[in-house]
Structures are given as C-alpha cells and as structure tokens.
Protein backbone atom coordinates (compact mmCIF):
# COMPACT_ATOMS: atom_id res chain seq x y z
CA MET A 1 -59.70 11.02 -123.90
CA SER A 2 -56.92 13.44 -123.02
CA LYS A 3 -55.70 14.19 -119.52
CA GLU A 4 -56.63 17.83 -120.08
CA ALA A 5 -60.24 16.87 -120.91
CA ASP A 6 -60.40 14.72 -117.77
CA GLY A 7 -58.96 17.62 -115.80
CA TRP A 8 -61.74 19.93 -117.05
CA LYS A 9 -64.36 17.39 -115.95
CA GLN A 10 -62.83 17.19 -112.50
CA ALA A 11 -62.62 20.98 -112.30
CA ALA A 12 -66.35 21.09 -113.02
CA GLY A 13 -67.02 18.77 -110.08
CA LEU A 14 -67.72 15.59 -112.02
CA ILE A 15 -67.05 12.42 -110.05
CA THR A 16 -64.90 10.51 -112.52
CA ILE A 17 -65.22 6.80 -113.17
CA ALA A 18 -62.56 5.75 -115.66
CA HIS A 19 -60.84 2.69 -117.05
CA ALA A 20 -58.00 1.45 -114.85
CA SER A 21 -55.22 2.05 -117.36
CA GLY A 22 -52.81 4.70 -118.59
CA GLY A 23 -53.33 8.31 -117.57
CA PRO A 24 -56.45 7.84 -115.46
CA MET A 25 -54.76 5.16 -113.37
CA LEU A 26 -51.36 6.84 -113.11
CA ASP A 27 -52.20 10.53 -112.91
CA ILE A 28 -55.86 11.49 -112.83
CA ILE A 29 -57.56 9.20 -110.33
CA GLY A 30 -55.01 6.68 -109.12
CA GLY A 31 -52.49 7.46 -106.46
CA PRO A 32 -51.24 6.42 -103.06
CA ASP A 33 -54.68 6.78 -101.49
CA SER A 34 -56.35 4.34 -103.92
CA SER A 35 -57.95 1.27 -102.46
CA CYS A 36 -59.68 -1.78 -103.86
CA ASN A 37 -63.23 -2.57 -102.81
CA GLN A 38 -63.92 -5.80 -100.96
CA GLU A 39 -64.87 -7.70 -104.12
CA ASN A 40 -61.83 -6.36 -106.05
CA THR A 41 -64.05 -5.06 -108.84
CA TYR A 42 -63.06 -1.38 -108.74
CA PHE A 43 -60.56 1.00 -107.16
CA ARG A 44 -61.50 4.13 -105.28
CA SER A 45 -59.36 7.12 -104.49
CA SER A 46 -60.09 10.56 -103.09
CA ARG A 47 -60.46 11.76 -106.72
CA GLY A 48 -62.77 9.15 -108.28
CA PHE A 49 -63.08 5.52 -109.30
CA LEU A 50 -61.22 3.11 -111.60
CA ALA A 51 -62.59 -0.10 -113.06
CA SER A 52 -61.70 -2.51 -115.83
CA THR A 53 -64.71 -4.82 -116.08
CA LEU A 54 -68.41 -4.34 -116.64
CA GLU A 55 -69.07 -5.51 -113.09
CA GLY A 56 -66.44 -3.09 -111.78
CA PHE A 57 -67.97 -0.13 -113.61
CA ALA A 58 -71.43 -1.07 -112.31
CA ASP A 59 -70.11 -1.34 -108.74
CA ALA A 60 -68.26 1.98 -109.04
CA LEU A 61 -71.37 3.71 -110.42
CA ASN A 62 -73.43 2.28 -107.58
CA GLN A 63 -70.88 3.52 -105.07
CA ALA A 64 -70.83 7.00 -106.63
CA PHE A 65 -74.64 7.22 -106.68
CA THR A 66 -74.98 6.12 -103.05
CA MET A 67 -72.29 8.34 -101.50
CA ASP A 68 -73.61 10.72 -98.87
CA GLY A 69 -73.49 14.45 -99.58
CA GLU A 70 -70.43 15.17 -97.44
CA GLU A 71 -68.43 12.31 -98.96
CA TYR A 72 -69.46 13.39 -102.48
CA SER A 73 -68.47 17.02 -101.82
CA LEU A 74 -65.10 15.97 -100.42
CA MET A 75 -64.37 13.89 -103.55
CA GLN A 76 -65.39 16.85 -105.73
CA ARG A 77 -63.10 19.26 -103.85
CA THR A 78 -60.17 16.84 -103.99
CA ALA A 79 -60.69 16.22 -107.72
CA ARG A 80 -60.96 19.97 -108.40
CA GLU A 81 -57.68 20.57 -106.59
CA ALA A 82 -56.00 17.73 -108.52
CA SER A 83 -57.30 19.12 -111.83
CA LYS A 84 -55.10 22.19 -111.39
CA SER A 85 -52.09 20.05 -112.26
CA PHE A 86 -53.34 19.39 -115.82
CA GLY A 87 -53.40 21.49 -118.97
CA ASP A 88 -51.02 23.05 -121.46
CA ASP A 89 -49.82 25.79 -119.12
CA ARG A 90 -48.87 23.33 -116.39
CA PHE A 91 -47.13 21.10 -118.95
CA VAL A 92 -45.05 24.03 -120.21
CA GLU A 93 -44.16 24.99 -116.62
CA ARG A 94 -43.07 21.45 -115.78
CA ILE A 95 -41.06 20.85 -118.95
CA SER A 96 -39.39 24.26 -118.62
CA ALA A 97 -38.44 23.50 -115.03
CA SER A 98 -36.93 20.21 -116.19
CA PHE A 99 -34.59 22.08 -118.54
CA ASP A 100 -33.66 24.88 -116.11
CA GLY A 101 -29.95 24.83 -115.48
CA LEU A 102 -29.27 22.10 -118.02
CA GLY A 103 -26.33 23.98 -119.50
CA ARG A 104 -24.92 25.50 -116.30
CA HIS A 105 -21.90 23.22 -116.34
CA VAL A 106 -20.72 24.85 -119.57
CA GLY A 107 -18.99 28.14 -118.91
CA GLU A 108 -19.67 31.19 -121.02
CA GLY A 109 -17.68 31.02 -124.23
CA GLU A 110 -16.90 27.31 -123.78
CA ARG A 111 -17.93 24.77 -126.33
CA LEU A 112 -19.35 21.38 -125.65
CA CYS A 113 -17.31 19.85 -128.46
CA LYS A 114 -13.59 20.70 -128.61
CA ASP A 115 -13.46 20.29 -132.40
CA GLU A 116 -15.86 23.15 -133.16
C-alpha cells in the first residue's frame, strides 16, 4: 500500500495498525514517540500501531479497541495532522525545495565545463 493511501486513511480518522517495516515504520506511524508494549509484541506511537507477528497484530487490535474515547480522539487528531505531510503535492514541494539554489554557485553566462 502506498504512503499516500495510508495518509488518506489517517486523514479520515482511521487508527492505523500496520506492519513494522518500510514506510509505515519510518514515516507513517513510527517516530521518536514510538514505544514497545510490555510484551514486546507491538509498537505504539501517537499516530497508530506497528506489529510484525500475528500475536502483535492481535495485541495492537485489542489495544485500539479498548482505548478510551479521549485517547482515541487524540490519536485520530495526531494522525490527521501527520497525514498532511503525504501526497503528490507535498512530494513536489519537498523535491523542489531540495533543488532550490542548486546552481547558484555558477554565475550567469558561466559554464560548468570549460571545454563547452
């Protein structure tokens, strides 16, 4: 599943439980506020849950289903806010910003290669 699709789910308020690998672990759910549960079966962050085993997914689902209303709403709000960083428009903004000023060291009329 794409990061953009996961971002749409978060924007809709879905509490995400995803596999602890790749994009979900690095960008979508994981982060500095992630923590492992006592049994080390799943990870929880302010944006959702990560698991890699059947037991971990079951524990994460149980945790999601038993959260109180305030805790659930806070996770939804945090995930919605995080979802704003995904999508084609944000990608274009970020990649464009990466290239801003790339050629500033070359003066107008100068050539990168002297033999041209």
